[in-house]
Amino acid sequence: MAKQLEKSSIGNEDIFQKMANHEQVVFCNDPASGLRAIIAIHDTTLGPALGGTRMYPYASVDEALKDVLRLSEGMTYKCAAAGLDFGGGKAVIIGNPEKDKSPALFRAFGQFVDSLNGRFYTGTDMGTTMDDFVHALKETNFINGIPEQYGGSGDSSIPTSQGVVYALKATNKYLFGSDHLSGKTYAIQGLGKVGYKVAEQLLEAGANLFVTDIHEHVLKSIKEKSKELGGSVTIVKSDEIYSVDADVFVPCALGGVINDETIPRLKVKAIVGSANNQLLSDHHAKLLEEKGILYAPDYIVNAGGLIQVADELYGPNKERVLLKTKEIYRSLLEIFKQADLDCITTVEAANRKCQKTIEDQRNRNSFFTRGRKPKWNIKE
């Protein structure tokens, strides 16, 4: 039997070793629709797993598994950091989002999500849209982040960008003694849905911006906006954004942009952005600290969208979401101060805070279930 398990494992490593830190991994296969997906549930101590579903043409199942395990673990920390009653999960669909999508595929995926009976809630991520999940919604109620016309809360880039602004204010407060955005210079990498909204708010506050984006029309648009909103905009080439003389670097595009090559070029005092996984590896947080650059952990900064998605399950309420998003300001200041007190990086401080939140809840769960019969045991 052991030999059979080894043969059926992915790669040379037993799949149970790969998912050692996870509660559950579900492989979803529907030949009729072409669906091949993996759902990973990392930890449900704080509540049901919550995480988006991304669609990507992974080169192998092993690559897809590695990605979904990494992303789902990250969601546990994001939920804990945001004070949500959810654990971490994620799903990936193997396929090209430009060619392989169909209503049948997302309905099939919805059936697999429904089979988990509320252990996993999901919605959009890279390569998927709210409209895709309208099809999944026909098969399961465990979908969030859906269009307003279907009872959802709509565009999550609004609270995400607002959360980034709160994080920028907290960083300014910590570094400069005032949380005013005006009079400072910000280098924004990426003017997508979130980055553009952040740029607009900074301009309204009278800030000066260096901006870069792969889309020329977006750059022209924000340049024109500065004429009516105030502030100033200087357009730079993609690779030049790391070398500009600014107060804060605001990465709102790709992950892994803080690495061995870019850190020596940075002239900023802080990094605060919405991009996921900005550090290529955890040791880059230490390199930033040694260079005197304050790093705001990305999963704290970009939590606004997650807060909206989780809050949607109580019924859409934009005012409530923005009120919860404002907590990013206080949370980030606490992390900065704790990192100083413990002489550790801000990433370590944030991780410890999340781990303590999870462990405290685990202890409470243990206390309240001690001596009880399992709720699924109906025999006397």
Protein backbone atom coordinates (compact mmCIF):
# COMPACT_ATOMS: atom_id res chain seq x y z
CA MET A 1 0.00 0.00 0.00
CA ALA A 2 2.87 2.38 0.83
CA LYS A 3 4.34 1.93 -2.64
CA GLN A 4 0.97 2.73 -4.22
CA LEU A 5 0.77 5.95 -2.20
CA GLU A 6 4.23 6.96 -3.34
CA LYS A 7 3.28 6.43 -6.96
CA SER A 8 0.12 8.46 -6.60
CA SER A 9 1.85 11.34 -4.85
CA ILE A 10 2.69 14.47 -6.80
CA GLY A 11 6.38 14.71 -7.59
CA ASN A 12 8.85 12.83 -5.43
CA GLU A 13 7.39 13.99 -2.15
CA ASP A 14 4.36 12.40 -0.51
CA ILE A 15 1.35 14.72 -0.80
CA PHE A 16 0.68 14.43 2.94
CA GLN A 17 4.11 15.90 3.63
CA LYS A 18 3.36 18.80 1.30
CA MET A 19 0.08 19.58 3.06
CA ALA A 20 1.45 18.95 6.56
CA ASN A 21 0.44 22.43 7.74
CA HIS A 22 -3.00 22.24 6.15
CA GLU A 23 -6.26 20.70 7.28
CA GLN A 24 -7.63 19.64 3.92
CA VAL A 25 -6.82 19.64 0.21
CA VAL A 26 -9.51 18.80 -2.34
CA PHE A 27 -8.73 17.91 -5.95
CA CYS A 28 -11.66 18.72 -8.24
CA ASN A 29 -12.04 16.99 -11.61
CA ASP A 30 -14.93 17.35 -14.05
CA PRO A 31 -14.00 16.04 -17.52
CA ALA A 32 -17.29 17.21 -19.05
CA SER A 33 -16.52 20.90 -18.40
CA GLY A 34 -12.75 20.56 -18.40
CA LEU A 35 -12.50 21.64 -14.78
CA ARG A 36 -9.28 20.79 -12.96
CA ALA A 37 -9.02 22.62 -9.67
CA ILE A 38 -7.51 22.37 -6.20
CA ILE A 39 -9.09 23.74 -3.02
CA ALA A 40 -6.78 24.12 -0.01
CA ILE A 41 -8.06 24.74 3.51
CA HIS A 42 -5.20 25.80 5.75
CA ASP A 43 -6.72 26.52 9.17
CA THR A 44 -10.29 26.92 10.43
CA THR A 45 -9.51 27.81 14.04
CA LEU A 46 -10.99 31.29 13.65
CA GLY A 47 -13.87 30.18 11.44
CA PRO A 48 -14.66 28.78 7.98
CA ALA A 49 -11.88 29.11 5.41
CA LEU A 50 -12.09 32.19 3.21
CA GLY A 51 -10.08 32.88 0.08
CA GLY A 52 -10.40 33.70 -3.60
CA THR A 53 -10.13 31.40 -6.59
CA ARG A 54 -7.52 32.17 -9.20
CA MET A 55 -7.34 30.73 -12.71
CA TYR A 56 -3.93 30.28 -14.24
CA PRO A 57 -2.31 28.01 -16.88
CA TYR A 58 0.01 26.24 -14.44
CA ALA A 59 2.74 24.20 -16.09
CA SER A 60 1.99 21.24 -13.84
CA VAL A 61 -0.33 20.03 -11.11
CA ASP A 62 2.63 20.20 -8.74
CA GLU A 63 3.06 23.91 -9.49
CA ALA A 64 -0.65 24.52 -8.91
CA LEU A 65 -0.55 22.63 -5.61
CA LYS A 66 2.47 24.59 -4.41
CA ASP A 67 0.73 27.87 -5.22
CA VAL A 68 -2.58 27.02 -3.56
CA LEU A 69 -0.87 25.78 -0.38
CA ARG A 70 1.20 28.95 -0.13
CA LEU A 71 -1.75 31.25 -0.82
CA SER A 72 -4.13 29.52 1.58
CA GLU A 73 -1.65 29.77 4.44
CA GLY A 74 -1.27 33.46 3.71
CA MET A 75 -5.04 33.87 3.96
CA THR A 76 -5.04 32.52 7.51
CA TYR A 77 -2.71 35.33 8.52
CA LYS A 78 -4.66 37.93 6.55
CA CYS A 79 -7.93 36.97 8.23
CA ALA A 80 -6.33 36.95 11.68
CA ALA A 81 -4.67 40.32 11.08
CA ALA A 82 -7.95 41.87 9.94
CA GLY A 83 -9.82 40.55 12.99
CA LEU A 84 -12.16 38.40 10.89
CA ASP A 85 -13.98 35.30 12.08
CA PHE A 86 -12.57 33.28 9.21
CA GLY A 87 -9.66 30.98 8.58
CA GLY A 88 -7.49 30.67 5.53
CA GLY A 89 -8.29 28.92 2.28
CA LYS A 90 -7.67 29.30 -1.43
CA ALA A 91 -8.53 27.61 -4.70
CA VAL A 92 -6.82 27.44 -8.07
CA ILE A 93 -8.30 26.42 -11.41
CA ILE A 94 -5.77 25.07 -13.89
CA GLY A 95 -6.45 26.71 -17.23
CA ASN A 96 -6.05 29.76 -19.41
CA PRO A 97 -8.57 32.40 -18.29
CA GLU A 98 -8.58 33.84 -21.82
CA LYS A 99 -9.60 30.57 -23.50
CA ASP A 100 -10.78 27.92 -21.05
CA LYS A 101 -13.62 29.60 -19.17
CA SER A 102 -17.22 28.50 -19.54
CA PRO A 103 -20.43 28.69 -17.51
CA ALA A 104 -20.33 24.89 -17.17
CA LEU A 105 -16.82 24.99 -15.71
CA PHE A 106 -17.77 27.45 -12.98
CA ARG A 107 -21.01 25.62 -12.23
CA ALA A 108 -18.98 22.43 -11.78
CA PHE A 109 -16.57 24.30 -9.52
CA GLY A 110 -19.53 25.63 -7.53
CA GLN A 111 -20.70 22.06 -6.93
CA PHE A 112 -17.32 21.13 -5.45
CA VAL A 113 -17.37 24.21 -3.21
CA ASP A 114 -20.89 23.30 -2.08
CA SER A 115 -19.78 19.77 -1.21
CA LEU A 116 -17.60 21.25 1.55
CA ASN A 117 -20.80 22.38 3.27
CA GLY A 118 -19.59 25.80 4.41
CA ARG A 119 -16.00 24.98 5.32
CA PHE A 120 -14.83 27.14 2.41
CA TYR A 121 -16.10 30.48 1.07
CA THR A 122 -14.62 31.84 -2.15
CA GLY A 123 -14.83 34.49 -4.84
CA THR A 124 -12.67 36.28 -7.38
CA ASP A 125 -8.91 36.37 -7.61
CA MET A 126 -6.36 36.66 -10.42
CA GLY A 127 -7.84 35.36 -13.66
CA THR A 128 -11.45 35.24 -12.43
CA THR A 129 -14.23 37.84 -12.34
CA MET A 130 -17.43 38.48 -10.42
CA ASP A 131 -19.39 37.41 -13.51
CA ASP A 132 -17.66 34.00 -13.44
CA PHE A 133 -18.98 33.41 -9.95
CA VAL A 134 -22.51 34.33 -10.91
CA HIS A 135 -22.47 30.91 -12.61
CA ALA A 136 -21.01 29.22 -9.52
CA LEU A 137 -23.69 30.92 -7.44
CA LYS A 138 -26.28 28.74 -9.19
CA GLU A 139 -24.76 25.70 -7.48
CA THR A 140 -23.73 27.00 -4.05
CA ASN A 141 -24.37 29.80 -1.56
CA PHE A 142 -20.77 29.79 -0.35
CA ILE A 143 -19.71 32.52 -2.77
CA ASN A 144 -18.89 36.12 -1.92
CA GLY A 145 -17.52 39.17 -3.68
CA ILE A 146 -20.39 39.08 -6.18
CA PRO A 147 -21.94 41.99 -8.14
CA GLU A 148 -24.31 44.35 -6.32
CA GLN A 149 -27.19 43.38 -8.58
CA TYR A 150 -26.91 39.83 -7.22
CA GLY A 151 -26.91 40.95 -3.60
CA GLY A 152 -23.16 41.40 -3.25
CA SER A 153 -21.09 44.37 -2.12
CA GLY A 154 -19.52 45.14 -5.50
CA ASP A 155 -16.11 46.60 -6.25
CA SER A 156 -13.64 45.57 -3.53
CA SER A 157 -10.95 47.93 -4.85
CA ILE A 158 -12.72 50.79 -3.02
CA PRO A 159 -12.07 49.53 0.54
CA THR A 160 -8.70 48.12 -0.52
CA SER A 161 -7.50 51.52 -1.71
CA GLN A 162 -8.96 53.21 1.37
CA GLY A 163 -7.06 50.75 3.53
CA VAL A 164 -3.82 51.65 1.74
CA VAL A 165 -4.48 55.32 2.47
CA TYR A 166 -5.06 54.57 6.16
CA ALA A 167 -1.80 52.60 6.15
CA LEU A 168 0.04 55.53 4.57
CA LYS A 169 -1.35 57.84 7.25
CA ALA A 170 -0.25 55.46 10.02
CA THR A 171 3.23 55.22 8.49
CA ASN A 172 3.52 59.01 8.25
CA LYS A 173 2.37 59.30 11.86
CA TYR A 174 5.04 56.86 13.00
CA LEU A 175 7.87 58.29 10.93
CA PHE A 176 7.12 61.99 10.83
CA GLY A 177 4.86 62.60 13.84
CA SER A 178 1.85 63.60 11.72
CA ASP A 179 -0.48 61.48 9.61
CA HIS A 180 -1.01 64.20 7.02
CA LEU A 181 -0.47 63.00 3.45
CA SER A 182 0.36 66.43 2.05
CA GLY A 183 3.90 67.62 1.57
CA LYS A 184 5.23 64.10 1.03
CA THR A 185 6.35 62.33 -2.15
CA TYR A 186 5.07 58.88 -3.07
CA ALA A 187 6.37 56.50 -5.76
CA ILE A 188 3.41 54.44 -6.98
CA GLN A 189 4.12 51.29 -8.97
CA GLY A 190 0.98 50.22 -10.83
CA LEU A 191 -2.17 52.25 -11.50
CA GLY A 192 -4.73 49.49 -11.64
CA LYS A 193 -8.06 49.62 -9.82
CA VAL A 194 -6.40 50.06 -6.42
CA GLY A 195 -3.28 52.05 -7.36
CA TYR A 196 -5.27 54.60 -9.36
CA LYS A 197 -7.69 55.25 -6.49
CA VAL A 198 -4.78 55.63 -4.05
CA ALA A 199 -3.14 58.12 -6.43
CA GLU A 200 -6.37 60.14 -6.66
CA GLN A 201 -6.66 60.42 -2.87
CA LEU A 202 -3.01 61.39 -2.50
CA LEU A 203 -3.39 64.11 -5.13
CA GLU A 204 -6.50 65.44 -3.38
CA ALA A 205 -4.39 65.70 -0.23
CA GLY A 206 -1.76 67.74 -2.09
CA ALA A 207 0.91 65.06 -2.38
CA ASN A 208 3.59 64.74 -5.05
CA LEU A 209 3.71 61.52 -7.03
CA PHE A 210 6.11 59.52 -9.14
CA VAL A 211 4.06 56.96 -11.09
CA THR A 212 4.63 54.08 -13.47
CA ASP A 213 2.35 51.63 -15.23
CA ILE A 214 2.44 49.42 -18.31
CA HIS A 215 -0.57 51.24 -19.78
CA GLU A 216 0.23 54.60 -21.34
CA HIS A 217 -3.39 55.84 -21.31
CA VAL A 218 -3.62 55.33 -17.54
CA LEU A 219 -0.50 57.40 -16.99
CA LYS A 220 -1.91 60.20 -19.13
CA SER A 221 -5.19 60.01 -17.23
CA ILE A 222 -3.64 60.46 -13.78
CA LYS A 223 -1.49 63.28 -15.12
CA GLU A 224 -4.64 65.08 -16.27
CA LYS A 225 -6.33 64.34 -12.94
CA SER A 226 -3.58 66.16 -11.08
CA LYS A 227 -4.62 69.38 -12.81
CA GLU A 228 -8.04 69.27 -11.18
CA LEU A 229 -7.20 67.50 -7.91
CA GLY A 230 -3.94 69.22 -7.02
CA GLY A 231 -0.53 67.82 -6.18
CA SER A 232 1.89 66.85 -8.91
CA VAL A 233 2.59 63.79 -11.07
CA THR A 234 5.89 62.76 -12.61
CA ILE A 235 5.78 59.78 -14.96
CA VAL A 236 8.81 57.48 -14.89
CA LYS A 237 9.75 54.26 -16.68
CA SER A 238 9.00 50.94 -14.99
CA ASP A 239 12.54 50.22 -13.84
CA GLU A 240 13.16 53.80 -12.70
CA ILE A 241 10.50 53.70 -9.99
CA TYR A 242 12.91 51.99 -7.58
CA SER A 243 15.47 54.80 -7.80
CA VAL A 244 13.34 57.92 -7.44
CA ASP A 245 13.89 60.22 -4.48
CA ALA A 246 10.61 59.79 -2.62
CA ASP A 247 9.38 59.42 0.96
CA VAL A 248 7.31 56.27 0.45
CA PHE A 249 7.35 53.50 -2.17
CA VAL A 250 3.80 52.29 -2.91
CA PRO A 251 3.87 48.96 -4.82
CA CYS A 252 0.39 48.23 -6.21
CA ALA A 253 1.19 45.76 -8.99
CA LEU A 254 3.34 42.63 -8.91
CA GLY A 255 4.70 40.67 -5.98
CA GLY A 256 8.37 39.92 -5.33
CA VAL A 257 9.46 43.46 -6.23
CA ILE A 258 11.43 43.88 -2.99
CA ASN A 259 14.50 41.75 -3.60
CA ASP A 260 18.30 41.69 -3.72
CA GLU A 261 18.36 43.79 -6.88
CA THR A 262 15.89 46.50 -5.93
CA ILE A 263 16.67 47.08 -2.23
CA PRO A 264 20.08 48.70 -2.87
CA ARG A 265 18.41 51.16 -5.27
CA LEU A 266 15.65 52.30 -2.93
CA LYS A 267 15.94 55.83 -1.51
CA VAL A 268 12.61 55.85 0.33
CA LYS A 269 11.94 55.90 4.07
CA ALA A 270 9.06 53.42 3.94
CA ILE A 271 7.24 50.86 1.78
CA VAL A 272 3.45 50.77 1.95
CA GLY A 273 1.48 49.17 -0.88
CA SER A 274 -1.38 46.90 -1.90
CA ALA A 275 0.54 44.30 -3.95
CA ASN A 276 0.56 40.78 -2.51
CA ASN A 277 3.83 39.12 -1.48
CA GLN A 278 5.96 42.21 -2.06
CA LEU A 279 9.00 40.66 -0.40
CA LEU A 280 10.64 38.02 -2.59
CA SER A 281 11.52 36.21 0.64
CA ASP A 282 11.17 36.90 4.36
CA HIS A 283 14.86 37.73 4.80
CA HIS A 284 14.35 40.85 2.69
CA ALA A 285 12.43 42.36 5.62
CA LYS A 286 15.68 42.25 7.59
CA LEU A 287 17.59 43.86 4.73
CA LEU A 288 15.07 46.70 4.64
CA GLU A 289 15.37 47.17 8.39
CA GLU A 290 19.17 47.32 8.13
CA LYS A 291 18.84 50.00 5.47
CA GLY A 292 16.48 52.02 7.65
CA ILE A 293 13.39 51.50 5.49
CA LEU A 294 10.13 50.92 7.38
CA TYR A 295 8.11 48.11 5.82
CA ALA A 296 4.34 47.91 6.30
CA PRO A 297 3.43 44.19 5.93
CA ASP A 298 1.37 43.88 2.76
CA TYR A 299 -1.29 41.59 4.18
CA ILE A 300 -2.11 44.27 6.76
CA VAL A 301 -2.13 47.11 4.24
CA ASN A 302 -4.29 45.44 1.59
CA ALA A 303 -6.89 43.92 3.92
CA GLY A 304 -9.70 46.30 2.92
CA GLY A 305 -10.95 44.12 0.09
CA LEU A 306 -10.89 41.02 2.29
CA ILE A 307 -12.80 42.87 4.99
CA GLN A 308 -15.54 43.73 2.47
CA VAL A 309 -15.74 40.18 1.15
CA ALA A 310 -16.07 38.75 4.67
CA ASP A 311 -18.53 41.43 5.76
CA GLU A 312 -20.72 40.71 2.73
CA LEU A 313 -21.92 37.53 4.46
CA TYR A 314 -23.72 39.72 7.01
CA GLY A 315 -25.40 41.68 4.22
CA PRO A 316 -23.76 44.44 2.13
CA ASN A 317 -23.06 47.59 4.13
CA LYS A 318 -20.45 49.98 2.74
CA GLU A 319 -20.33 52.21 5.81
CA ARG A 320 -19.67 49.24 8.08
CA VAL A 321 -16.91 48.01 5.78
CA LEU A 322 -15.13 51.37 5.73
CA LEU A 323 -15.42 51.60 9.52
CA LYS A 324 -13.74 48.20 9.87
CA THR A 325 -11.13 49.15 7.28
CA LYS A 326 -10.14 52.13 9.41
CA GLU A 327 -8.76 49.63 11.95
CA ILE A 328 -5.78 49.12 9.59
CA TYR A 329 -4.45 52.47 10.87
CA ARG A 330 -4.41 51.37 14.51
CA SER A 331 -3.24 47.84 13.77
CA LEU A 332 -0.27 49.03 11.74
CA LEU A 333 0.85 51.49 14.41
CA GLU A 334 0.75 48.68 16.99
CA ILE A 335 2.90 46.47 14.75
CA PHE A 336 5.47 49.22 14.19
CA LYS A 337 5.74 49.84 17.94
CA GLN A 338 5.92 46.13 18.82
CA ALA A 339 8.67 45.55 16.27
CA ASP A 340 10.70 48.30 17.94
CA LEU A 341 10.07 46.97 21.45
CA ASP A 342 11.04 43.40 20.54
CA CYS A 343 13.88 44.38 18.19
CA ILE A 344 12.38 42.36 15.36
CA THR A 345 11.21 43.14 11.84
CA THR A 346 7.70 44.40 11.21
CA VAL A 347 6.95 41.15 9.36
CA GLU A 348 7.90 39.11 12.43
CA ALA A 349 5.81 41.40 14.63
CA ALA A 350 2.78 41.03 12.36
CA ASN A 351 3.18 37.25 12.14
CA ARG A 352 3.50 36.91 15.91
CA LYS A 353 0.36 38.97 16.41
CA CYS A 354 -1.56 36.71 14.03
CA GLN A 355 -0.17 33.54 15.59
CA LYS A 356 -1.22 34.73 19.03
CA THR A 357 -4.73 35.51 17.78
CA ILE A 358 -5.05 32.00 16.34
CA GLU A 359 -3.53 30.29 19.38
CA ASP A 360 -5.78 32.20 21.80
CA GLN A 361 -8.83 31.12 19.81
CA ARG A 362 -7.56 27.54 19.67
CA ASN A 363 -7.28 27.53 23.46
CA ARG A 364 -10.79 28.93 23.81
CA ASN A 365 -12.11 26.29 21.45
CA SER A 366 -10.36 23.61 23.49
CA PHE A 367 -11.82 24.96 26.75
CA PHE A 368 -15.40 25.13 25.54
CA THR A 369 -15.36 21.69 23.91
CA ARG A 370 -13.55 19.93 26.78
CA GLY A 371 -15.62 17.07 28.14
CA ARG A 372 -18.33 17.39 25.52
CA LYS A 373 -19.39 14.68 23.13
CA PRO A 374 -18.60 15.49 19.50
CA LYS A 375 -21.60 17.27 18.00
CA TRP A 376 -21.73 14.74 15.18
CA ASN A 377 -22.09 11.81 17.61
CA ILE A 378 -25.84 11.38 17.90
CA LYS A 379 -25.67 8.13 19.85
CA GLU A 380 -26.34 8.21 23.59
